[in-house]
Amino acid sequence: MGANISSNENTIENDDGGSLSPSSRSSLGDIPESCISYFLMNLDPPDICKLARVNRTFHRASSADFVWESKLPTCYNFIVNKILREENLASMSKKEIYAKLCQPNRFDSGTKVSNSILTL
């Protein structure tokens, strides 16, 4: 079991005697986005954001609504409607909603600031 890497050529030989060219090698980008999204769903938001920088596939997977919905409180619709009245909730992604709820809340004509609804 395993693969032997030839130092003279850019090929990898498998146990069956066959070889893989460099273009047929697997990479992180070959993992389906849905698998990556399910993995990311179990991480903390800062870790999700870090992994989103790995490659385009991870970035797209990190933007999946179900990844961020798992980080939102169950009553987030009520909270968002109370806090973000002027914004259209239907047009926002769950990632955008999460980011909005993590921002400090300003009140009393912007002279006072409270902690965010969610914390990273």
PDB file of N, CA and C in Angstrom:
ATOM      1  N   MET A   1       0.842  -1.183   0.000  1.00  0.00           N
ATOM      2  CA  MET A   1       0.000   0.000   0.000  1.00  0.00           C
ATOM      3  C   MET A   1       0.880   1.236   0.000  1.00  0.00           C
ATOM      4  N   GLY A   2       0.505   2.173  -0.785  1.00  0.00           N
ATOM      5  CA  GLY A   2       1.262   3.402  -0.812  1.00  0.00           C
ATOM      6  C   GLY A   2       1.659   3.763  -2.215  1.00  0.00           C
ATOM      7  N   ALA A   3       2.462   4.777  -2.292  1.00  0.00           N
ATOM      8  CA  ALA A   3       2.915   5.250  -3.595  1.00  0.00           C
ATOM      9  C   ALA A   3       4.403   5.521  -3.519  1.00  0.00           C
ATOM     10  N   ASN A   4       5.074   5.217  -4.595  1.00  0.00           N
ATOM     11  CA  ASN A   4       6.497   5.508  -4.691  1.00  0.00           C
ATOM     12  C   ASN A   4       6.682   6.713  -5.584  1.00  0.00           C
ATOM     13  N   ILE A   5       7.431   7.661  -5.112  1.00  0.00           N
ATOM     14  CA  ILE A   5       7.682   8.856  -5.904  1.00  0.00           C
ATOM     15  C   ILE A   5       9.022   8.700  -6.593  1.00  0.00           C
ATOM     16  N   SER A   6       9.010   8.822  -7.888  1.00  0.00           N
ATOM     17  CA  SER A   6      10.224   8.722  -8.675  1.00  0.00           C
ATOM     18  C   SER A   6      10.953  10.053  -8.630  1.00  0.00           C
ATOM     19  N   SER A   7      12.212  10.023  -8.272  1.00  0.00           N
ATOM     20  CA  SER A   7      12.967  11.277  -8.199  1.00  0.00           C
ATOM     21  C   SER A   7      13.406  11.753  -9.579  1.00  0.00           C
ATOM     22  N   ASN A   8      13.486  10.852 -10.556  1.00  0.00           N
ATOM     23  CA  ASN A   8      13.919  11.239 -11.886  1.00  0.00           C
ATOM     24  C   ASN A   8      12.798  11.826 -12.723  1.00  0.00           C
ATOM     25  N   GLU A   9      11.596  11.470 -12.422  1.00  0.00           N
ATOM     26  CA  GLU A   9      10.465  11.926 -13.213  1.00  0.00           C
ATOM     27  C   GLU A   9       9.430  12.549 -12.289  1.00  0.00           C
ATOM     28  N   ASN A  10       8.510  13.262 -12.864  1.00  0.00           N
ATOM     29  CA  ASN A  10       7.419  13.851 -12.096  1.00  0.00           C
ATOM     30  C   ASN A  10       6.209  12.929 -12.104  1.00  0.00           C
ATOM     31  N   THR A  11       6.421  11.664 -11.806  1.00  0.00           N
ATOM     32  CA  THR A  11       5.308  10.726 -11.759  1.00  0.00           C
ATOM     33  C   THR A  11       5.300  10.028 -10.414  1.00  0.00           C
ATOM     34  N   ILE A  12       4.146   9.534 -10.054  1.00  0.00           N
ATOM     35  CA  ILE A  12       3.995   8.750  -8.832  1.00  0.00           C
ATOM     36  C   ILE A  12       3.531   7.367  -9.251  1.00  0.00           C
ATOM     37  N   GLU A  13       4.219   6.343  -8.765  1.00  0.00           N
ATOM     38  CA  GLU A  13       3.830   4.979  -9.084  1.00  0.00           C
ATOM     39  C   GLU A  13       3.013   4.427  -7.934  1.00  0.00           C
ATOM     40  N   ASN A  14       1.877   3.802  -8.264  1.00  0.00           N
ATOM     41  CA  ASN A  14       1.088   3.172  -7.216  1.00  0.00           C
ATOM     42  C   ASN A  14       1.460   1.698  -7.125  1.00  0.00           C
ATOM     43  N   ASP A  15       0.854   0.966  -6.203  1.00  0.00           N
ATOM     44  CA  ASP A  15       1.211  -0.437  -5.979  1.00  0.00           C
ATOM     45  C   ASP A  15       0.883  -1.335  -7.158  1.00  0.00           C
ATOM     46  N   ASP A  16      -0.042  -0.927  -7.998  1.00  0.00           N
ATOM     47  CA  ASP A  16      -0.430  -1.734  -9.152  1.00  0.00           C
ATOM     48  C   ASP A  16       0.536  -1.575 -10.318  1.00  0.00           C
ATOM     49  N   GLY A  17       1.552  -0.770 -10.162  1.00  0.00           N
ATOM     50  CA  GLY A  17       2.504  -0.545 -11.232  1.00  0.00           C
ATOM     51  C   GLY A  17       2.118   0.604 -12.138  1.00  0.00           C
ATOM     52  N   GLY A  18       0.922   1.135 -11.959  1.00  0.00           N
ATOM     53  CA  GLY A  18       0.483   2.275 -12.752  1.00  0.00           C
ATOM     54  C   GLY A  18       1.114   3.549 -12.221  1.00  0.00           C
ATOM     55  N   SER A  19       1.005   4.588 -12.992  1.00  0.00           N
ATOM     56  CA  SER A  19       1.584   5.847 -12.537  1.00  0.00           C
ATOM     57  C   SER A  19       0.593   6.980 -12.740  1.00  0.00           C
ATOM     58  N   LEU A  20       0.765   7.994 -11.934  1.00  0.00           N
ATOM     59  CA  LEU A  20      -0.067   9.191 -12.013  1.00  0.00           C
ATOM     60  C   LEU A  20       0.790  10.347 -12.484  1.00  0.00           C
ATOM     61  N   SER A  21       0.301  11.074 -13.435  1.00  0.00           N
ATOM     62  CA  SER A  21       1.035  12.259 -13.880  1.00  0.00           C
ATOM     63  C   SER A  21       0.732  13.400 -12.919  1.00  0.00           C
ATOM     64  N   PRO A  22       1.547  14.458 -12.919  1.00  0.00           N
ATOM     65  CA  PRO A  22       1.308  15.581 -12.011  1.00  0.00           C
ATOM     66  C   PRO A  22      -0.081  16.191 -12.180  1.00  0.00           C
ATOM     67  N   SER A  23      -0.619  16.155 -13.392  1.00  0.00           N
ATOM     68  CA  SER A  23      -1.924  16.766 -13.613  1.00  0.00           C
ATOM     69  C   SER A  23      -3.060  15.930 -13.034  1.00  0.00           C
ATOM     70  N   SER A  24      -2.825  14.643 -12.744  1.00  0.00           N
ATOM     71  CA  SER A  24      -3.888  13.797 -12.212  1.00  0.00           C
ATOM     72  C   SER A  24      -3.801  13.621 -10.698  1.00  0.00           C
ATOM     73  N   ARG A  25      -2.893  14.292 -10.053  1.00  0.00           N
ATOM     74  CA  ARG A  25      -2.782  14.216  -8.597  1.00  0.00           C
ATOM     75  C   ARG A  25      -3.939  14.955  -7.946  1.00  0.00           C
ATOM     76  N   SER A  26      -4.308  14.504  -6.777  1.00  0.00           N
ATOM     77  CA  SER A  26      -5.391  15.147  -6.029  1.00  0.00           C
ATOM     78  C   SER A  26      -4.857  16.345  -5.262  1.00  0.00           C
ATOM     79  N   SER A  27      -5.742  17.303  -5.045  1.00  0.00           N
ATOM     80  CA  SER A  27      -5.378  18.466  -4.245  1.00  0.00           C
ATOM     81  C   SER A  27      -6.564  18.840  -3.371  1.00  0.00           C
ATOM     82  N   LEU A  28      -6.383  19.805  -2.503  1.00  0.00           N
ATOM     83  CA  LEU A  28      -7.474  20.255  -1.639  1.00  0.00           C
ATOM     84  C   LEU A  28      -8.651  20.769  -2.441  1.00  0.00           C
ATOM     85  N   GLY A  29      -8.383  21.331  -3.604  1.00  0.00           N
ATOM     86  CA  GLY A  29      -9.446  21.849  -4.451  1.00  0.00           C
ATOM     87  C   GLY A  29     -10.330  20.761  -5.045  1.00  0.00           C
ATOM     88  N   ASP A  30      -9.887  19.505  -4.955  1.00  0.00           N
ATOM     89  CA  ASP A  30     -10.667  18.392  -5.494  1.00  0.00           C
ATOM     90  C   ASP A  30     -11.746  17.905  -4.534  1.00  0.00           C
ATOM     91  N   ILE A  31     -11.673  18.317  -3.280  1.00  0.00           N
ATOM     92  CA  ILE A  31     -12.678  17.911  -2.299  1.00  0.00           C
ATOM     93  C   ILE A  31     -13.973  18.657  -2.608  1.00  0.00           C
ATOM     94  N   PRO A  32     -15.104  17.968  -2.645  1.00  0.00           N
ATOM     95  CA  PRO A  32     -16.375  18.647  -2.935  1.00  0.00           C
ATOM     96  C   PRO A  32     -16.688  19.734  -1.903  1.00  0.00           C
ATOM     97  N   GLU A  33     -17.239  20.842  -2.395  1.00  0.00           N
ATOM     98  CA  GLU A  33     -17.579  21.961  -1.509  1.00  0.00           C
ATOM     99  C   GLU A  33     -18.501  21.543  -0.384  1.00  0.00           C
ATOM    100  N   SER A  34     -19.441  20.664  -0.670  1.00  0.00           N
ATOM    101  CA  SER A  34     -20.393  20.255   0.364  1.00  0.00           C
ATOM    102  C   SER A  34     -19.683  19.547   1.519  1.00  0.00           C
ATOM    103  N   CYS A  35     -18.671  18.745   1.224  1.00  0.00           N
ATOM    104  CA  CYS A  35     -17.901  18.076   2.284  1.00  0.00           C
ATOM    105  C   CYS A  35     -17.143  19.093   3.121  1.00  0.00           C
ATOM    106  N   ILE A  36     -16.537  20.048   2.449  1.00  0.00           N
ATOM    107  CA  ILE A  36     -15.793  21.091   3.159  1.00  0.00           C
ATOM    108  C   ILE A  36     -16.745  21.907   4.020  1.00  0.00           C
ATOM    109  N   SER A  37     -17.924  22.223   3.488  1.00  0.00           N
ATOM    110  CA  SER A  37     -18.904  23.010   4.240  1.00  0.00           C
ATOM    111  C   SER A  37     -19.333  22.286   5.508  1.00  0.00           C
ATOM    112  N   TYR A  38     -19.594  20.977   5.407  1.00  0.00           N
ATOM    113  CA  TYR A  38     -19.981  20.221   6.594  1.00  0.00           C
ATOM    114  C   TYR A  38     -18.858  20.197   7.620  1.00  0.00           C
ATOM    115  N   PHE A  39     -17.637  20.132   7.174  1.00  0.00           N
ATOM    116  CA  PHE A  39     -16.488  20.200   8.079  1.00  0.00           C
ATOM    117  C   PHE A  39     -16.423  21.573   8.744  1.00  0.00           C
ATOM    118  N   LEU A  40     -16.557  22.638   7.948  1.00  0.00           N
ATOM    119  CA  LEU A  40     -16.472  24.001   8.474  1.00  0.00           C
ATOM    120  C   LEU A  40     -17.587  24.305   9.466  1.00  0.00           C
ATOM    121  N   MET A  41     -18.725  23.674   9.294  1.00  0.00           N
ATOM    122  CA  MET A  41     -19.874  23.911  10.159  1.00  0.00           C
ATOM    123  C   MET A  41     -19.542  23.593  11.621  1.00  0.00           C
ATOM    124  N   ASN A  42     -18.580  22.722  11.851  1.00  0.00           N
ATOM    125  CA  ASN A  42     -18.219  22.309  13.206  1.00  0.00           C
ATOM    126  C   ASN A  42     -17.097  23.142  13.812  1.00  0.00           C
ATOM    127  N   LEU A  43     -16.625  24.138  13.085  1.00  0.00           N
ATOM    128  CA  LEU A  43     -15.534  24.980  13.574  1.00  0.00           C
ATOM    129  C   LEU A  43     -16.057  26.304  14.114  1.00  0.00           C
ATOM    130  N   ASP A  44     -15.205  27.005  14.842  1.00  0.00           N
ATOM    131  CA  ASP A  44     -15.532  28.347  15.319  1.00  0.00           C
ATOM    132  C   ASP A  44     -15.377  29.339  14.170  1.00  0.00           C
ATOM    133  N   PRO A  45     -16.144  30.436  14.195  1.00  0.00           N
ATOM    134  CA  PRO A  45     -16.088  31.421  13.109  1.00  0.00           C
ATOM    135  C   PRO A  45     -14.686  31.929  12.747  1.00  0.00           C
ATOM    136  N   PRO A  46     -13.802  32.224  13.718  1.00  0.00           N
ATOM    137  CA  PRO A  46     -12.462  32.670  13.300  1.00  0.00           C
ATOM    138  C   PRO A  46     -11.709  31.604  12.496  1.00  0.00           C
ATOM    139  N   ASP A  47     -11.905  30.339  12.861  1.00  0.00           N
ATOM    140  CA  ASP A  47     -11.250  29.255  12.126  1.00  0.00           C
ATOM    141  C   ASP A  47     -11.838  29.098  10.726  1.00  0.00           C
ATOM    142  N   ILE A  48     -13.146  29.300  10.607  1.00  0.00           N
ATOM    143  CA  ILE A  48     -13.790  29.241   9.289  1.00  0.00           C
ATOM    144  C   ILE A  48     -13.193  30.312   8.381  1.00  0.00           C
ATOM    145  N   CYS A  49     -13.036  31.503   8.924  1.00  0.00           N
ATOM    146  CA  CYS A  49     -12.487  32.614   8.131  1.00  0.00           C
ATOM    147  C   CYS A  49     -11.041  32.355   7.729  1.00  0.00           C
ATOM    148  N   LYS A  50     -10.267  31.740   8.607  1.00  0.00           N
ATOM    149  CA  LYS A  50      -8.879  31.413   8.270  1.00  0.00           C
ATOM    150  C   LYS A  50      -8.820  30.383   7.143  1.00  0.00           C
ATOM    151  N   LEU A  51      -9.641  29.348   7.257  1.00  0.00           N
ATOM    152  CA  LEU A  51      -9.629  28.302   6.232  1.00  0.00           C
ATOM    153  C   LEU A  51     -10.204  28.781   4.906  1.00  0.00           C
ATOM    154  N   ALA A  52     -11.019  29.813   4.938  1.00  0.00           N
ATOM    155  CA  ALA A  52     -11.577  30.362   3.693  1.00  0.00           C
ATOM    156  C   ALA A  52     -10.478  30.918   2.800  1.00  0.00           C
ATOM    157  N   ARG A  53      -9.320  31.189   3.377  1.00  0.00           N
ATOM    158  CA  ARG A  53      -8.200  31.733   2.607  1.00  0.00           C
ATOM    159  C   ARG A  53      -7.322  30.656   1.980  1.00  0.00           C
ATOM    160  N   VAL A  54      -7.631  29.388   2.221  1.00  0.00           N
ATOM    161  CA  VAL A  54      -6.803  28.299   1.693  1.00  0.00           C
ATOM    162  C   VAL A  54      -6.842  28.272   0.170  1.00  0.00           C
ATOM    163  N   ASN A  55      -8.034  28.239  -0.389  1.00  0.00           N
ATOM    164  CA  ASN A  55      -8.198  28.261  -1.845  1.00  0.00           C
ATOM    165  C   ASN A  55      -9.643  28.631  -2.179  1.00  0.00           C
ATOM    166  N   ARG A  56      -9.954  28.686  -3.458  1.00  0.00           N
ATOM    167  CA  ARG A  56     -11.295  29.124  -3.886  1.00  0.00           C
ATOM    168  C   ARG A  56     -12.390  28.178  -3.419  1.00  0.00           C
ATOM    169  N   THR A  57     -12.108  26.894  -3.424  1.00  0.00           N
ATOM    170  CA  THR A  57     -13.113  25.919  -3.001  1.00  0.00           C
ATOM    171  C   THR A  57     -13.465  26.111  -1.532  1.00  0.00           C
ATOM    172  N   PHE A  58     -12.463  26.301  -0.696  1.00  0.00           N
ATOM    173  CA  PHE A  58     -12.712  26.542   0.724  1.00  0.00           C
ATOM    174  C   PHE A  58     -13.441  27.867   0.921  1.00  0.00           C
ATOM    175  N   HIS A  59     -13.095  28.862   0.115  1.00  0.00           N
ATOM    176  CA  HIS A  59     -13.761  30.166   0.225  1.00  0.00           C
ATOM    177  C   HIS A  59     -15.247  30.040  -0.105  1.00  0.00           C
ATOM    178  N   ARG A  60     -15.554  29.367  -1.192  1.00  0.00           N
ATOM    179  CA  ARG A  60     -16.968  29.180  -1.566  1.00  0.00           C
ATOM    180  C   ARG A  60     -17.697  28.349  -0.520  1.00  0.00           C
ATOM    181  N   ALA A  61     -17.046  27.313  -0.011  1.00  0.00           N
ATOM    182  CA  ALA A  61     -17.667  26.457   1.006  1.00  0.00           C
ATOM    183  C   ALA A  61     -17.929  27.228   2.293  1.00  0.00           C
ATOM    184  N   SER A  62     -17.049  28.165   2.618  1.00  0.00           N
ATOM    185  CA  SER A  62     -17.217  28.938   3.855  1.00  0.00           C
ATOM    186  C   SER A  62     -18.355  29.940   3.756  1.00  0.00           C
ATOM    187  N   SER A  63     -18.852  30.179   2.568  1.00  0.00           N
ATOM    188  CA  SER A  63     -19.958  31.120   2.387  1.00  0.00           C
ATOM    189  C   SER A  63     -21.319  30.439   2.383  1.00  0.00           C
ATOM    190  N   ALA A  64     -21.355  29.140   2.549  1.00  0.00           N
ATOM    191  CA  ALA A  64     -22.628  28.412   2.545  1.00  0.00           C
ATOM    192  C   ALA A  64     -23.494  28.865   3.716  1.00  0.00           C
ATOM    193  N   ASP A  65     -24.765  29.105   3.440  1.00  0.00           N
ATOM    194  CA  ASP A  65     -25.676  29.589   4.477  1.00  0.00           C
ATOM    195  C   ASP A  65     -25.787  28.632   5.657  1.00  0.00           C
ATOM    196  N   PHE A  66     -25.808  27.323   5.407  1.00  0.00           N
ATOM    197  CA  PHE A  66     -25.984  26.400   6.528  1.00  0.00           C
ATOM    198  C   PHE A  66     -24.777  26.381   7.465  1.00  0.00           C
ATOM    199  N   VAL A  67     -23.603  26.771   6.966  1.00  0.00           N
ATOM    200  CA  VAL A  67     -22.424  26.871   7.831  1.00  0.00           C
ATOM    201  C   VAL A  67     -22.639  27.972   8.861  1.00  0.00           C
ATOM    202  N   TRP A  68     -23.109  29.130   8.407  1.00  0.00           N
ATOM    203  CA  TRP A  68     -23.271  30.283   9.296  1.00  0.00           C
ATOM    204  C   TRP A  68     -24.568  30.227  10.085  1.00  0.00           C
ATOM    205  N   GLU A  69     -25.584  29.581   9.538  1.00  0.00           N
ATOM    206  CA  GLU A  69     -26.841  29.454  10.278  1.00  0.00           C
ATOM    207  C   GLU A  69     -26.626  28.648  11.554  1.00  0.00           C
ATOM    208  N   SER A  70     -25.694  27.704  11.520  1.00  0.00           N
ATOM    209  CA  SER A  70     -25.396  26.912  12.716  1.00  0.00           C
ATOM    210  C   SER A  70     -24.737  27.755  13.806  1.00  0.00           C
ATOM    211  N   LYS A  71     -24.211  28.916  13.445  1.00  0.00           N
ATOM    212  CA  LYS A  71     -23.563  29.812  14.420  1.00  0.00           C
ATOM    213  C   LYS A  71     -24.525  30.864  14.976  1.00  0.00           C
ATOM    214  N   LEU A  72     -25.677  31.019  14.335  1.00  0.00           N
ATOM    215  CA  LEU A  72     -26.647  32.030  14.751  1.00  0.00           C
ATOM    216  C   LEU A  72     -27.540  31.485  15.859  1.00  0.00           C
ATOM    217  N   PRO A  73     -28.025  32.366  16.750  1.00  0.00           N
ATOM    218  CA  PRO A  73     -28.983  31.905  17.764  1.00  0.00           C
ATOM    219  C   PRO A  73     -30.290  31.485  17.087  1.00  0.00           C
ATOM    220  N   THR A  74     -31.055  30.651  17.751  1.00  0.00           N
ATOM    221  CA  THR A  74     -32.290  30.151  17.145  1.00  0.00           C
ATOM    222  C   THR A  74     -33.286  31.268  16.858  1.00  0.00           C
ATOM    223  N   CYS A  75     -33.244  32.332  17.626  1.00  0.00           N
ATOM    224  CA  CYS A  75     -34.186  33.442  17.445  1.00  0.00           C
ATOM    225  C   CYS A  75     -33.560  34.597  16.665  1.00  0.00           C
ATOM    226  N   TYR A  76     -32.608  34.298  15.788  1.00  0.00           N
ATOM    227  CA  TYR A  76     -31.898  35.374  15.097  1.00  0.00           C
ATOM    228  C   TYR A  76     -32.814  36.224  14.230  1.00  0.00           C
ATOM    229  N   ASN A  77     -33.881  35.643  13.676  1.00  0.00           N
ATOM    230  CA  ASN A  77     -34.815  36.441  12.861  1.00  0.00           C
ATOM    231  C   ASN A  77     -35.424  37.575  13.679  1.00  0.00           C
ATOM    232  N   PHE A  78     -35.841  37.268  14.890  1.00  0.00           N
ATOM    233  CA  PHE A  78     -36.425  38.278  15.774  1.00  0.00           C
ATOM    234  C   PHE A  78     -35.398  39.360  16.093  1.00  0.00           C
ATOM    235  N   ILE A  79     -34.190  38.945  16.445  1.00  0.00           N
ATOM    236  CA  ILE A  79     -33.127  39.899  16.802  1.00  0.00           C
ATOM    237  C   ILE A  79     -32.791  40.794  15.614  1.00  0.00           C
ATOM    238  N   VAL A  80     -32.636  40.201  14.457  1.00  0.00           N
ATOM    239  CA  VAL A  80     -32.275  40.965  13.260  1.00  0.00           C
ATOM    240  C   VAL A  80     -33.369  41.962  12.909  1.00  0.00           C
ATOM    241  N   ASN A  81     -34.622  41.551  13.015  1.00  0.00           N
ATOM    242  CA  ASN A  81     -35.729  42.470  12.718  1.00  0.00           C
ATOM    243  C   ASN A  81     -35.771  43.642  13.689  1.00  0.00           C
ATOM    244  N   LYS A  82     -35.389  43.425  14.936  1.00  0.00           N
ATOM    245  CA  LYS A  82     -35.372  44.506  15.930  1.00  0.00           C
ATOM    246  C   LYS A  82     -34.183  45.443  15.728  1.00  0.00           C
ATOM    247  N   ILE A  83     -33.038  44.884  15.416  1.00  0.00           N
ATOM    248  CA  ILE A  83     -31.811  45.686  15.332  1.00  0.00           C
ATOM    249  C   ILE A  83     -31.598  46.280  13.943  1.00  0.00           C
ATOM    250  N   LEU A  84     -31.836  45.500  12.916  1.00  0.00           N
ATOM    251  CA  LEU A  84     -31.530  45.912  11.547  1.00  0.00           C
ATOM    252  C   LEU A  84     -32.811  46.190  10.771  1.00  0.00           C
ATOM    253  N   ARG A  85     -33.656  47.010  11.293  1.00  0.00           N
ATOM    254  CA  ARG A  85     -34.959  47.288  10.675  1.00  0.00           C
ATOM    255  C   ARG A  85     -34.828  47.766   9.236  1.00  0.00           C
ATOM    256  N   GLU A  86     -33.848  48.631   8.993  1.00  0.00           N
ATOM    257  CA  GLU A  86     -33.752  49.269   7.679  1.00  0.00           C
ATOM    258  C   GLU A  86     -33.188  48.353   6.598  1.00  0.00           C
ATOM    259  N   GLU A  87     -32.599  47.259   6.968  1.00  0.00           N
ATOM    260  CA  GLU A  87     -31.966  46.390   5.983  1.00  0.00           C
ATOM    261  C   GLU A  87     -32.887  45.240   5.603  1.00  0.00           C
ATOM    262  N   ASN A  88     -32.779  44.810   4.373  1.00  0.00           N
ATOM    263  CA  ASN A  88     -33.612  43.734   3.863  1.00  0.00           C
ATOM    264  C   ASN A  88     -32.995  42.395   4.250  1.00  0.00           C
ATOM    265  N   LEU A  89     -33.610  41.725   5.191  1.00  0.00           N
ATOM    266  CA  LEU A  89     -33.105  40.457   5.697  1.00  0.00           C
ATOM    267  C   LEU A  89     -33.056  39.382   4.609  1.00  0.00           C
ATOM    268  N   ALA A  90     -34.015  39.397   3.715  1.00  0.00           N
ATOM    269  CA  ALA A  90     -34.091  38.368   2.672  1.00  0.00           C
ATOM    270  C   ALA A  90     -32.902  38.425   1.713  1.00  0.00           C
ATOM    271  N   SER A  91     -32.328  39.598   1.525  1.00  0.00           N
ATOM    272  CA  SER A  91     -31.214  39.727   0.583  1.00  0.00           C
ATOM    273  C   SER A  91     -29.854  39.473   1.233  1.00  0.00           C
ATOM    274  N   MET A  92     -29.832  39.286   2.540  1.00  0.00           N
ATOM    275  CA  MET A  92     -28.566  39.077   3.249  1.00  0.00           C
ATOM    276  C   MET A  92     -28.266  37.586   3.388  1.00  0.00           C
ATOM    277  N   SER A  93     -26.994  37.233   3.237  1.00  0.00           N
ATOM    278  CA  SER A  93     -26.594  35.850   3.485  1.00  0.00           C
ATOM    279  C   SER A  93     -26.475  35.651   4.994  1.00  0.00           C
ATOM    280  N   LYS A  94     -26.449  34.411   5.417  1.00  0.00           N
ATOM    281  CA  LYS A  94     -26.311  34.113   6.856  1.00  0.00           C
ATOM    282  C   LYS A  94     -24.958  34.605   7.369  1.00  0.00           C
ATOM    283  N   LYS A  95     -23.965  34.583   6.509  1.00  0.00           N
ATOM    284  CA  LYS A  95     -22.644  35.082   6.890  1.00  0.00           C
ATOM    285  C   LYS A  95     -22.708  36.587   7.159  1.00  0.00           C
ATOM    286  N   GLU A  96     -23.443  37.325   6.317  1.00  0.00           N
ATOM    287  CA  GLU A  96     -23.608  38.769   6.516  1.00  0.00           C
ATOM    288  C   GLU A  96     -24.401  39.059   7.788  1.00  0.00           C
ATOM    289  N   ILE A  97     -25.433  38.257   8.042  1.00  0.00           N
ATOM    290  CA  ILE A  97     -26.228  38.435   9.262  1.00  0.00           C
ATOM    291  C   ILE A  97     -25.349  38.200  10.478  1.00  0.00           C
ATOM    292  N   TYR A  98     -24.541  37.140  10.447  1.00  0.00           N
ATOM    293  CA  TYR A  98     -23.634  36.853  11.557  1.00  0.00           C
ATOM    294  C   TYR A  98     -22.682  38.027  11.783  1.00  0.00           C
ATOM    295  N   ALA A  99     -22.128  38.553  10.709  1.00  0.00           N
ATOM    296  CA  ALA A  99     -21.196  39.681  10.819  1.00  0.00           C
ATOM    297  C   ALA A  99     -21.884  40.908  11.410  1.00  0.00           C
ATOM    298  N   LYS A 100     -23.125  41.174  10.993  1.00  0.00           N
ATOM    299  CA  LYS A 100     -23.871  42.325  11.524  1.00  0.00           C
ATOM    300  C   LYS A 100     -24.128  42.163  13.018  1.00  0.00           C
ATOM    301  N   LEU A 101     -24.480  40.948  13.436  1.00  0.00           N
ATOM    302  CA  LEU A 101     -24.766  40.714  14.850  1.00  0.00           C
ATOM    303  C   LEU A 101     -23.503  40.742  15.709  1.00  0.00           C
ATOM    304  N   CYS A 102     -22.343  40.595  15.099  1.00  0.00           N
ATOM    305  CA  CYS A 102     -21.080  40.660  15.842  1.00  0.00           C
ATOM    306  C   CYS A 102     -20.580  42.088  16.022  1.00  0.00           C
ATOM    307  N   GLN A 103     -21.163  43.030  15.291  1.00  0.00           N
ATOM    308  CA  GLN A 103     -20.745  44.427  15.411  1.00  0.00           C
ATOM    309  C   GLN A 103     -21.287  45.028  16.706  1.00  0.00           C
ATOM    310  N   PRO A 104     -20.541  45.958  17.309  1.00  0.00           N
ATOM    311  CA  PRO A 104     -21.047  46.637  18.505  1.00  0.00           C
ATOM    312  C   PRO A 104     -22.322  47.408  18.177  1.00  0.00           C
ATOM    313  N   ASN A 105     -23.236  47.458  19.134  1.00  0.00           N
ATOM    314  CA  ASN A 105     -24.502  48.166  18.951  1.00  0.00           C
ATOM    315  C   ASN A 105     -24.380  49.582  19.490  1.00  0.00           C
ATOM    316  N   ARG A 106     -24.712  50.546  18.672  1.00  0.00           N
ATOM    317  CA  ARG A 106     -24.679  51.953  19.075  1.00  0.00           C
ATOM    318  C   ARG A 106     -26.095  52.394  19.416  1.00  0.00           C
ATOM    319  N   PHE A 107     -26.211  53.151  20.504  1.00  0.00           N
ATOM    320  CA  PHE A 107     -27.514  53.683  20.877  1.00  0.00           C
ATOM    321  C   PHE A 107     -27.336  55.051  21.511  1.00  0.00           C
ATOM    322  N   ASP A 108     -28.429  55.695  21.848  1.00  0.00           N
ATOM    323  CA  ASP A 108     -28.427  57.057  22.386  1.00  0.00           C
ATOM    324  C   ASP A 108     -27.741  58.002  21.403  1.00  0.00           C
ATOM    325  N   SER A 109     -28.260  57.996  20.182  1.00  0.00           N
ATOM    326  CA  SER A 109     -27.751  58.832  19.084  1.00  0.00           C
ATOM    327  C   SER A 109     -26.278  58.564  18.781  1.00  0.00           C
ATOM    328  N   GLY A 110     -25.852  57.345  18.980  1.00  0.00           N
ATOM    329  CA  GLY A 110     -24.482  56.958  18.658  1.00  0.00           C
ATOM    330  C   GLY A 110     -23.454  57.333  19.702  1.00  0.00           C
ATOM    331  N   THR A 111     -23.895  57.861  20.853  1.00  0.00           N
ATOM    332  CA  THR A 111     -22.937  58.278  21.878  1.00  0.00           C
ATOM    333  C   THR A 111     -22.532  57.137  22.802  1.00  0.00           C
ATOM    334  N   LYS A 112     -23.282  56.040  22.786  1.00  0.00           N
ATOM    335  CA  LYS A 112     -22.973  54.904  23.653  1.00  0.00           C
ATOM    336  C   LYS A 112     -22.900  53.640  22.807  1.00  0.00           C
ATOM    337  N   VAL A 113     -22.076  52.722  23.272  1.00  0.00           N
ATOM    338  CA  VAL A 113     -21.885  51.470  22.546  1.00  0.00           C
ATOM    339  C   VAL A 113     -22.044  50.317  23.528  1.00  0.00           C
ATOM    340  N   SER A 114     -22.803  49.313  23.120  1.00  0.00           N
ATOM    341  CA  SER A 114     -22.913  48.101  23.931  1.00  0.00           C
ATOM    342  C   SER A 114     -22.163  46.978  23.223  1.00  0.00           C
ATOM    343  N   ASN A 115     -21.979  45.901  23.931  1.00  0.00           N
ATOM    344  CA  ASN A 115     -21.317  44.750  23.323  1.00  0.00           C
ATOM    345  C   ASN A 115     -22.159  44.205  22.190  1.00  0.00           C
ATOM    346  N   SER A 116     -21.540  43.440  21.336  1.00  0.00           N
ATOM    347  CA  SER A 116     -22.264  42.846  20.215  1.00  0.00           C
ATOM    348  C   SER A 116     -23.200  41.755  20.722  1.00  0.00           C
ATOM    349  N   ILE A 117     -24.167  41.415  19.914  1.00  0.00           N
ATOM    350  CA  ILE A 117     -25.096  40.338  20.244  1.00  0.00           C
ATOM    351  C   ILE A 117     -24.345  39.009  20.292  1.00  0.00           C
ATOM    352  N   LEU A 118     -23.495  38.792  19.320  1.00  0.00           N
ATOM    353  CA  LEU A 118     -22.690  37.582  19.242  1.00  0.00           C
ATOM    354  C   LEU A 118     -21.235  37.950  19.444  1.00  0.00           C
ATOM    355  N   THR A 119     -20.471  37.021  19.941  1.00  0.00           N
ATOM    356  CA  THR A 119     -19.039  37.265  20.085  1.00  0.00           C
ATOM    357  C   THR A 119     -18.280  36.218  19.304  1.00  0.00           C
ATOM    358  N   LEU A 120     -17.154  36.627  18.765  1.00  0.00           N
ATOM    359  CA  LEU A 120     -16.305  35.681  18.034  1.00  0.00           C
ATOM    360  C   LEU A 120     -15.552  34.902  19.013  1.00  0.00           C
TER     361      LEU A 120
END
